[in-house]
Amino acid sequence: MQNVRRTHITLPADLVTRIDKLVGTRGRSTFLAQLALDEVRRRELIKILEDPEPIWKDEDHPDIAALGSAEWVRRQRGHRPGEDAELPPPPRRRRQPRKPARQR
């Protein structure tokens, strides 16, 4: 079992009622913990994205810098140099027969 800590929070009564209708009284803590975790992750991501210092640095990835990003992606996808990298055309769809018009 995870290390858990009991905490006391206050919520509006109508909100607790709505939560209980969704997850039941026995699922309330798990529901609120998951919501809190999702929001913490979202805010941490926003903080990272708003940071002016880039996370990706070319010097950390010399393999990509040496090839160039487009060639590196082609190789990751399994294409070899000089090979046609275009995707095959999509399969043709068979037409469905028309339904006869309704007579009035």
Protein backbone atom coordinates (compact mmCIF):
# COMPACT_ATOMS: atom_id res chain seq x y z
CA MET A 1 0.00 0.00 0.00
CA GLN A 2 1.17 3.53 -0.75
CA ASN A 3 2.30 5.81 2.01
CA VAL A 4 -0.83 7.83 2.78
CA ARG A 5 -1.46 10.75 5.04
CA ARG A 6 -4.79 11.68 6.53
CA THR A 7 -5.77 15.29 6.00
CA HIS A 8 -8.82 17.36 6.77
CA ILE A 9 -10.36 19.45 4.03
CA THR A 10 -13.63 21.30 3.81
CA LEU A 11 -15.84 21.27 0.73
CA PRO A 12 -19.24 22.75 -0.01
CA ALA A 13 -22.00 20.29 0.93
CA ASP A 14 -23.56 20.32 -2.54
CA LEU A 15 -20.18 19.46 -4.09
CA VAL A 16 -19.74 16.49 -1.73
CA THR A 17 -23.23 15.29 -2.67
CA ARG A 18 -22.41 15.50 -6.37
CA ILE A 19 -19.10 13.64 -5.86
CA ASP A 20 -20.85 10.94 -3.86
CA LYS A 21 -23.41 10.48 -6.66
CA LEU A 22 -20.56 9.89 -9.09
CA VAL A 23 -18.25 7.66 -7.07
CA GLY A 24 -20.05 6.78 -3.83
CA THR A 25 -19.02 7.71 -0.30
CA ARG A 26 -16.38 4.94 -0.22
CA GLY A 27 -14.75 6.26 -3.42
CA ARG A 28 -14.55 9.90 -2.41
CA SER A 29 -10.92 9.92 -1.19
CA THR A 30 -9.62 8.06 -4.23
CA PHE A 31 -11.55 10.37 -6.54
CA LEU A 32 -10.25 13.52 -4.86
CA ALA A 33 -6.69 12.18 -4.69
CA GLN A 34 -6.74 11.43 -8.45
CA LEU A 35 -8.13 14.88 -9.23
CA ALA A 36 -5.47 16.52 -7.07
CA LEU A 37 -2.71 14.46 -8.73
CA ASP A 38 -3.98 15.36 -12.21
CA GLU A 39 -4.03 19.06 -11.33
CA VAL A 40 -0.56 18.98 -9.76
CA ARG A 41 0.83 17.30 -12.91
CA ARG A 42 -0.95 19.85 -15.12
CA ARG A 43 0.45 22.79 -13.18
CA GLU A 44 3.96 21.30 -13.14
CA LEU A 45 3.79 20.87 -16.91
CA ILE A 46 2.60 24.45 -17.38
CA LYS A 47 5.48 25.66 -15.24
CA ILE A 48 7.96 23.72 -17.41
CA LEU A 49 6.41 25.03 -20.62
CA GLU A 50 6.49 28.62 -19.39
CA ASP A 51 10.18 28.38 -18.45
CA PRO A 52 12.25 30.32 -21.01
CA GLU A 53 15.17 27.87 -20.64
CA PRO A 54 14.69 25.10 -23.24
CA ILE A 55 14.58 21.52 -21.99
CA TRP A 56 15.97 20.11 -25.24
CA LYS A 57 19.60 20.95 -25.89
CA ASP A 58 21.38 19.90 -29.09
CA GLU A 59 24.57 19.06 -27.21
CA ASP A 60 22.65 16.41 -25.25
CA HIS A 61 21.71 14.65 -28.50
CA PRO A 62 24.78 14.47 -30.77
CA ASP A 63 23.32 11.50 -32.68
CA ILE A 64 20.45 13.63 -33.94
CA ALA A 65 22.58 16.73 -34.53
CA ALA A 66 25.02 14.73 -36.69
CA LEU A 67 22.30 13.33 -38.96
CA GLY A 68 19.86 16.20 -38.93
CA SER A 69 16.42 15.80 -37.43
CA ALA A 70 14.62 14.81 -40.67
CA GLU A 71 17.09 11.98 -41.41
CA TRP A 72 17.02 10.83 -37.80
CA VAL A 73 13.19 10.58 -37.92
CA ARG A 74 13.32 8.65 -41.23
CA ARG A 75 15.72 6.14 -39.71
CA GLN A 76 13.58 5.79 -36.61
CA ARG A 77 10.65 4.99 -38.87
CA GLY A 78 12.68 2.32 -40.64
CA HIS A 79 13.51 4.13 -43.90
CA ARG A 80 16.96 3.79 -45.35
CA PRO A 81 18.87 6.54 -47.16
CA GLY A 82 17.84 6.77 -50.82
CA GLU A 83 14.63 4.85 -50.18
CA ASP A 84 11.33 6.46 -51.12
CA ALA A 85 9.92 7.64 -47.80
CA GLU A 86 6.41 8.43 -49.04
CA LEU A 87 3.45 6.66 -47.51
CA PRO A 88 1.46 4.25 -49.67
CA PRO A 89 -1.88 5.56 -50.96
CA PRO A 90 -4.88 4.84 -48.73
CA PRO A 91 -6.97 1.80 -49.67
CA ARG A 92 -9.92 2.50 -51.95
CA ARG A 93 -13.28 2.25 -50.33
CA ARG A 94 -16.00 0.31 -52.04
CA ARG A 95 -19.15 2.27 -52.65
CA GLN A 96 -22.24 1.15 -50.86
CA PRO A 97 -25.20 0.50 -53.14
CA ARG A 98 -27.82 3.25 -53.00
CA LYS A 99 -31.03 2.55 -51.18
CA PRO A 100 -34.05 2.74 -53.43
CA ALA A 101 -36.03 5.96 -53.11
CA ARG A 102 -39.17 5.70 -51.02
CA GLN A 103 -42.40 5.92 -52.95
CA ARG A 104 -45.14 8.15 -51.59
